[in-house]
């Protein structure tokens, strides 16, 4: 069966970056346009665009804008301007490895240019290709993951690892899309994903938009859902995976994984190879801490006492012993991850 076209989260058109403003979902589907890389940096920082693959491509598009904004007429001046823009873009979100990957890929391509004009052409071409490749990668990933799901499975997912977290199609939701495209029937349970509600605002919106059977639960109902046999399998995305198989994803993922282990539900992580960080040790990954106001209120309504101390990490770490498999565009790997993950980078 053919699925409806999924939402395109971010694209580069007429020398502008066009993206869905995800802070306005689900009540409004609003597209914003930027012609300044500083605006793209602001969009990444304030979650107008979010999701590891999407911000990786957005960072690349930001550098494409920086190349167009620069008045440099000679090679080295343009490279210097691009490096300044790279620093601004890189500092927006420290945990998702795709952002650094996207920026470094553009910078390495830029350095192959012989002139300022050639660099501009190379940067724009490469950034656009990265966006197109993201969709192809997610579709390949989805196909590999779809064999893990059975007809009439109910899949739980946490946060948003769908079209809205990528350029289009999605990682965890890409697996669910590919499963439905293969002719199997699947239902989805989405967690609300406090405090920014990516599950209720984005995942539920996206799946409903694309015709899926989706139910929304509060984060606190994960255990209830599993204990009552409502969940067959769990699939989440990732913002960073290290070579040992430790997975960094939206806060609350660790709790979902523990609950899945307790109730015998396989727990899968879906992410492209660009999310795998082969250099950094798990203990050295920086967990982004976000502002207190995300927790102390909803919109303009305050729900907590004044001057309360708030701990608001954006991500947590799920250890490899809780992970049944990692789904990538090169295939599915399982424990021991220190052996299986490096082989992904050797595969043709």
Foldseek 3Di string as FASTA:
>chain_A
DDFDFFDQAWAADPQWIKGFQLLPFDVDGDIDIDLALLVLLVCDLVPRAAAQQALLLSLLSSLLSQLVPDPDWFLVVSLVSSVVSLVSNCPRAQFFLSNVVSSVVLSVQLVVDHTSVRSSVRSNVVSNVSQVVQVVFQLLLLQQLLVVDAAAFEEEEEADQALRNHSHCGWLNVVVVNNVVVPGAYEYEYELQPLSRNRPRPVVSRCVVRPHHYHYDYLVCLLVCLVVPNHQAYEYEASAAEQQGKTKDFPSVQVSLVSCVVSVHAYEYTYEPSRYDHPDDPVPRDFDWDDPVSPQADVPGGDHDPPDDDTGTGIDIHHQVSHQWYGTSQHIDHPSSNPGVVVSVVGD
